[in-house]
């Protein structure tokens, strides 16, 4: 899959270095009741963390959650943009295909408690 392929950015995931590494753009939800995968938002993976968005605590927690979702060590995940934004881009030292498979295998959060808009 190459970067020109429309499916290359599915779930905010983009291959880097020929697919050996990847970049993942997420939608952050700091200050949540629970940390973890929170579904999808406008095609991006939504990640919730209980840490507040103060002194980089939410970014650190997000890095750990992204690592858990990707199945890698936290040291293999680097925040490269969006430090003060809800949209954040992380680079992951893992093959794009592996991370994509893990994202696609994530269970969809239960919608029963969802508040209709």
C-alpha atoms as a PDB file:
ATOM      1  CA  UNK A   1       0.000   0.000   0.000  1.00  0.00           C
ATOM      2  CA  UNK A   2       1.381   3.393  -0.875  1.00  0.00           C
ATOM      3  CA  UNK A   3       0.583   6.860   0.421  1.00  0.00           C
ATOM      4  CA  UNK A   4      -1.294   7.676  -2.811  1.00  0.00           C
ATOM      5  CA  UNK A   5      -3.752   4.863  -2.161  1.00  0.00           C
ATOM      6  CA  UNK A   6      -7.054   6.269  -0.753  1.00  0.00           C
ATOM      7  CA  UNK A   7      -7.201   3.429   1.797  1.00  0.00           C
ATOM      8  CA  UNK A   8      -3.710   4.296   3.074  1.00  0.00           C
ATOM      9  CA  UNK A   9      -5.116   6.757   5.605  1.00  0.00           C
ATOM     10  CA  UNK A  10      -7.925   4.517   6.850  1.00  0.00           C
ATOM     11  CA  UNK A  11      -8.351   5.020  10.599  1.00  0.00           C
ATOM     12  CA  UNK A  12      -5.764   7.823  10.472  1.00  0.00           C
ATOM     13  CA  UNK A  13      -3.024   5.291   9.829  1.00  0.00           C
ATOM     14  CA  UNK A  14      -0.292   6.123   7.335  1.00  0.00           C
ATOM     15  CA  UNK A  15       2.631   3.901   6.325  1.00  0.00           C
ATOM     16  CA  UNK A  16       6.145   5.314   6.715  1.00  0.00           C
ATOM     17  CA  UNK A  17       9.486   3.956   5.517  1.00  0.00           C
ATOM     18  CA  UNK A  18       7.837   1.508   3.134  1.00  0.00           C
ATOM     19  CA  UNK A  19       5.419   0.253   5.788  1.00  0.00           C
ATOM     20  CA  UNK A  20       8.103  -0.658   8.327  1.00  0.00           C
ATOM     21  CA  UNK A  21       6.946   2.213  10.546  1.00  0.00           C
ATOM     22  CA  UNK A  22       3.690   4.103  10.609  1.00  0.00           C
ATOM     23  CA  UNK A  23       2.005   7.281  11.759  1.00  0.00           C
ATOM     24  CA  UNK A  24      -1.329   7.236  13.533  1.00  0.00           C
ATOM     25  CA  UNK A  25      -3.519  10.311  13.899  1.00  0.00           C
ATOM     26  CA  UNK A  26      -5.955   9.995  16.784  1.00  0.00           C
ATOM     27  CA  UNK A  27      -8.747  11.992  18.388  1.00  0.00           C
ATOM     28  CA  UNK A  28      -7.934  12.457  22.089  1.00  0.00           C
ATOM     29  CA  UNK A  29     -10.459  12.514  24.904  1.00  0.00           C
ATOM     30  CA  UNK A  30      -8.608  13.616  28.067  1.00  0.00           C
ATOM     31  CA  UNK A  31     -10.248  13.591  31.487  1.00  0.00           C
ATOM     32  CA  UNK A  32     -12.440  10.588  30.655  1.00  0.00           C
ATOM     33  CA  UNK A  33     -13.824   8.204  33.267  1.00  0.00           C
ATOM     34  CA  UNK A  34     -11.892   5.306  31.748  1.00  0.00           C
ATOM     35  CA  UNK A  35      -8.835   5.022  29.568  1.00  0.00           C
ATOM     36  CA  UNK A  36      -8.704   3.057  26.332  1.00  0.00           C
ATOM     37  CA  UNK A  37     -10.101   2.781  22.835  1.00  0.00           C
ATOM     38  CA  UNK A  38     -13.289   4.849  22.594  1.00  0.00           C
ATOM     39  CA  UNK A  39     -14.400   4.090  19.047  1.00  0.00           C
ATOM     40  CA  UNK A  40     -13.907   6.149  15.921  1.00  0.00           C
ATOM     41  CA  UNK A  41     -14.397   9.860  15.317  1.00  0.00           C
ATOM     42  CA  UNK A  42     -14.489  11.155  11.725  1.00  0.00           C
ATOM     43  CA  UNK A  43     -12.521   8.084  10.656  1.00  0.00           C
ATOM     44  CA  UNK A  44      -9.816   8.498  13.312  1.00  0.00           C
ATOM     45  CA  UNK A  45      -9.210   6.204  16.255  1.00  0.00           C
ATOM     46  CA  UNK A  46     -10.579   7.901  19.370  1.00  0.00           C
ATOM     47  CA  UNK A  47      -8.544   7.310  22.524  1.00  0.00           C
ATOM     48  CA  UNK A  48      -9.803   8.237  25.980  1.00  0.00           C
ATOM     49  CA  UNK A  49      -7.548   8.773  28.999  1.00  0.00           C
ATOM     50  CA  UNK A  50      -8.442   9.636  32.557  1.00  0.00           C
ATOM     51  CA  UNK A  51      -5.436  11.950  32.891  1.00  0.00           C
ATOM     52  CA  UNK A  52      -6.218  15.674  32.736  1.00  0.00           C
ATOM     53  CA  UNK A  53      -4.759  17.819  29.927  1.00  0.00           C
ATOM     54  CA  UNK A  54      -2.270  19.479  32.298  1.00  0.00           C
ATOM     55  CA  UNK A  55       1.526  19.421  32.274  1.00  0.00           C
ATOM     56  CA  UNK A  56       1.602  16.821  29.489  1.00  0.00           C
ATOM     57  CA  UNK A  57      -0.037  14.151  31.641  1.00  0.00           C
ATOM     58  CA  UNK A  58      -2.756  13.401  29.081  1.00  0.00           C
ATOM     59  CA  UNK A  59      -0.174  13.180  26.274  1.00  0.00           C
ATOM     60  CA  UNK A  60       1.887  10.685  28.297  1.00  0.00           C
ATOM     61  CA  UNK A  61      -1.214   8.604  29.009  1.00  0.00           C
ATOM     62  CA  UNK A  62      -2.255   8.780  25.342  1.00  0.00           C
ATOM     63  CA  UNK A  63       1.179   7.560  24.263  1.00  0.00           C
ATOM     64  CA  UNK A  64       0.797   4.560  26.561  1.00  0.00           C
ATOM     65  CA  UNK A  65      -2.717   3.814  25.259  1.00  0.00           C
ATOM     66  CA  UNK A  66      -1.589   4.125  21.629  1.00  0.00           C
ATOM     67  CA  UNK A  67       1.243   1.706  22.422  1.00  0.00           C
ATOM     68  CA  UNK A  68      -1.233  -0.742  23.978  1.00  0.00           C
ATOM     69  CA  UNK A  69      -3.556  -0.476  20.970  1.00  0.00           C
ATOM     70  CA  UNK A  70      -0.615  -0.967  18.559  1.00  0.00           C
ATOM     71  CA  UNK A  71       0.856  -3.828  20.610  1.00  0.00           C
ATOM     72  CA  UNK A  72       4.237  -2.178  21.139  1.00  0.00           C
ATOM     73  CA  UNK A  73       6.250  -0.762  24.042  1.00  0.00           C
ATOM     74  CA  UNK A  74       5.510   2.846  24.971  1.00  0.00           C
ATOM     75  CA  UNK A  75       9.087   3.708  24.002  1.00  0.00           C
ATOM     76  CA  UNK A  76       8.203   2.735  20.393  1.00  0.00           C
ATOM     77  CA  UNK A  77       5.569   5.521  20.227  1.00  0.00           C
ATOM     78  CA  UNK A  78       6.441   9.208  19.784  1.00  0.00           C
ATOM     79  CA  UNK A  79       4.063  12.175  19.730  1.00  0.00           C
ATOM     80  CA  UNK A  80       5.112  14.187  16.664  1.00  0.00           C
ATOM     81  CA  UNK A  81       2.343  16.792  16.439  1.00  0.00           C
ATOM     82  CA  UNK A  82      -0.747  18.046  18.214  1.00  0.00           C
ATOM     83  CA  UNK A  83       0.618  18.382  21.748  1.00  0.00           C
ATOM     84  CA  UNK A  84      -2.071  20.958  22.612  1.00  0.00           C
ATOM     85  CA  UNK A  85      -4.758  19.733  20.222  1.00  0.00           C
ATOM     86  CA  UNK A  86      -7.337  16.964  20.422  1.00  0.00           C
ATOM     87  CA  UNK A  87      -6.025  15.656  17.097  1.00  0.00           C
ATOM     88  CA  UNK A  88      -2.615  14.128  17.708  1.00  0.00           C
ATOM     89  CA  UNK A  89      -0.179  12.359  15.424  1.00  0.00           C
ATOM     90  CA  UNK A  90       2.024   9.591  16.775  1.00  0.00           C
ATOM     91  CA  UNK A  91       4.806   7.737  14.979  1.00  0.00           C
ATOM     92  CA  UNK A  92       4.997   4.061  15.841  1.00  0.00           C
ATOM     93  CA  UNK A  93       7.974   1.754  15.359  1.00  0.00           C
ATOM     94  CA  UNK A  94       5.876  -1.123  14.058  1.00  0.00           C
ATOM     95  CA  UNK A  95       4.787  -2.282  10.618  1.00  0.00           C
ATOM     96  CA  UNK A  96       1.750  -0.445   9.308  1.00  0.00           C
ATOM     97  CA  UNK A  97       0.026  -3.732   8.424  1.00  0.00           C
ATOM     98  CA  UNK A  98       0.392  -5.025  11.997  1.00  0.00           C
ATOM     99  CA  UNK A  99      -1.008  -1.850  13.551  1.00  0.00           C
ATOM    100  CA  UNK A 100      -3.861  -1.788  11.012  1.00  0.00           C
ATOM    101  CA  UNK A 101      -4.802  -5.372  11.856  1.00  0.00           C
ATOM    102  CA  UNK A 102      -4.838  -4.561  15.584  1.00  0.00           C
ATOM    103  CA  UNK A 103      -7.018  -1.480  15.021  1.00  0.00           C
ATOM    104  CA  UNK A 104      -9.451  -3.396  12.844  1.00  0.00           C
ATOM    105  CA  UNK A 105      -9.696  -6.108  15.532  1.00  0.00           C
ATOM    106  CA  UNK A 106     -10.644  -3.609  18.264  1.00  0.00           C
ATOM    107  CA  UNK A 107     -14.081  -4.174  19.742  1.00  0.00           C
ATOM    108  CA  UNK A 108     -16.548  -1.394  19.009  1.00  0.00           C
ATOM    109  CA  UNK A 109     -17.492   0.347  22.260  1.00  0.00           C
ATOM    110  CA  UNK A 110     -21.060  -0.338  23.383  1.00  0.00           C
ATOM    111  CA  UNK A 111     -23.475   2.381  22.270  1.00  0.00           C
ATOM    112  CA  UNK A 112     -26.079   1.663  24.979  1.00  0.00           C
ATOM    113  CA  UNK A 113     -24.906   4.529  27.178  1.00  0.00           C
ATOM    114  CA  UNK A 114     -24.474   6.922  24.286  1.00  0.00           C
ATOM    115  CA  UNK A 115     -26.292  10.198  24.499  1.00  0.00           C
ATOM    116  CA  UNK A 116     -28.149  10.818  21.211  1.00  0.00           C
ATOM    117  CA  UNK A 117     -27.171  14.141  19.674  1.00  0.00           C
END
